[in-house]
């Protein structure tokens, strides 16, 4: 998910709390949501604090290229109890 719709899905007080958890101000994170580039550290914090909903790669194209060239592959989340595992589906 892109950062802008992620932020807009929250009430304002949660947006400000999210920004603080990322180590920045809401004004700065809003600028990033509207296209301003951000530092790697902030991109990592946004992915971490959003629980992976907003990814580093979505925040900056160069980050995606760098991660791909380094062989980074994001792991899929483990199946939930309602989703069959590979063995159960067979």
Protein backbone atom coordinates (compact mmCIF):
# COMPACT_ATOMS: atom_id res chain seq x y z
CA UNK A 1 0.00 0.00 0.00
CA UNK A 2 1.19 3.51 -0.70
CA UNK A 3 1.90 5.77 2.24
CA UNK A 4 -0.70 8.41 1.35
CA UNK A 5 -3.77 6.12 1.49
CA UNK A 6 -2.31 4.43 4.56
CA UNK A 7 -2.10 7.76 6.39
CA UNK A 8 -5.50 8.93 5.16
CA UNK A 9 -7.09 5.76 6.54
CA UNK A 10 -6.15 6.93 10.07
CA UNK A 11 -7.68 9.61 12.27
CA UNK A 12 -5.38 12.64 12.66
CA UNK A 13 -4.26 11.73 16.19
CA UNK A 14 -3.13 8.29 14.96
CA UNK A 15 -1.25 9.88 12.04
CA UNK A 16 0.67 12.06 14.47
CA UNK A 17 1.39 9.07 16.74
CA UNK A 18 2.54 7.01 13.73
CA UNK A 19 4.92 9.78 12.66
CA UNK A 20 6.33 10.03 16.19
CA UNK A 21 6.85 6.25 16.28
CA UNK A 22 8.76 6.61 13.00
CA UNK A 23 10.96 9.25 14.61
CA UNK A 24 9.70 12.22 12.61
CA UNK A 25 6.97 14.84 12.51
CA UNK A 26 3.59 14.39 10.87
CA UNK A 27 4.43 17.28 8.52
CA UNK A 28 7.53 15.48 7.27
CA UNK A 29 5.80 12.14 6.86
CA UNK A 30 2.96 13.88 5.00
CA UNK A 31 5.53 15.39 2.61
CA UNK A 32 6.90 11.89 1.98
CA UNK A 33 3.36 10.65 1.33
CA UNK A 34 2.97 13.36 -1.31
CA UNK A 35 6.18 12.44 -3.12
CA UNK A 36 9.14 13.92 -1.27
CA UNK A 37 11.99 11.44 -0.95
CA UNK A 38 13.03 10.24 2.46
CA UNK A 39 16.13 8.85 4.08
CA UNK A 40 16.66 5.12 4.27
CA UNK A 41 16.25 5.18 8.04
CA UNK A 42 12.81 6.75 7.77
CA UNK A 43 11.75 4.32 5.04
CA UNK A 44 12.76 1.42 7.28
CA UNK A 45 10.89 2.93 10.23
CA UNK A 46 7.75 3.44 8.13
CA UNK A 47 7.79 -0.18 6.98
CA UNK A 48 8.40 -1.40 10.54
CA UNK A 49 5.77 0.81 12.19
CA UNK A 50 3.17 0.08 9.51
CA UNK A 51 3.68 -3.64 10.08
CA UNK A 52 4.92 -4.03 6.50
CA UNK A 53 1.79 -2.53 4.96
CA UNK A 54 3.87 0.30 3.49
CA UNK A 55 7.16 -1.10 2.21
CA UNK A 56 10.58 0.41 1.74
CA UNK A 57 10.35 -0.36 -1.98
CA UNK A 58 7.08 1.58 -2.28
CA UNK A 59 8.64 4.63 -0.67
CA UNK A 60 11.57 4.99 -3.04
CA UNK A 61 12.32 3.29 -6.38
CA UNK A 62 16.07 3.28 -5.70
CA UNK A 63 15.44 1.38 -2.48
CA UNK A 64 13.58 -1.30 -4.43
CA UNK A 65 16.44 -1.60 -6.92
CA UNK A 66 19.05 -1.73 -4.15
CA UNK A 67 17.14 -4.41 -2.25
CA UNK A 68 16.68 -6.48 -5.41
CA UNK A 69 20.37 -6.20 -6.34
CA UNK A 70 21.29 -7.31 -2.80
CA UNK A 71 19.09 -10.38 -3.19
CA UNK A 72 16.53 -9.26 -0.61
CA UNK A 73 13.26 -11.07 -1.01
CA UNK A 74 10.47 -10.22 1.36
CA UNK A 75 9.13 -13.29 3.11
CA UNK A 76 5.42 -13.99 2.81
CA UNK A 77 3.52 -13.87 6.05
CA UNK A 78 2.84 -17.28 7.58
CA UNK A 79 -0.66 -18.61 6.91
CA UNK A 80 -3.31 -17.77 9.44
CA UNK A 81 -5.40 -20.46 11.09
CA UNK A 82 -8.13 -19.99 8.49
CA UNK A 83 -5.68 -20.47 5.60
CA UNK A 84 -4.60 -24.04 4.85
CA UNK A 85 -0.89 -24.75 4.92
CA UNK A 86 0.76 -26.37 1.92
CA UNK A 87 0.50 -29.83 3.53
CA UNK A 88 -3.16 -29.40 4.45
CA UNK A 89 -4.07 -28.23 0.93
CA UNK A 90 -2.54 -31.35 -0.68
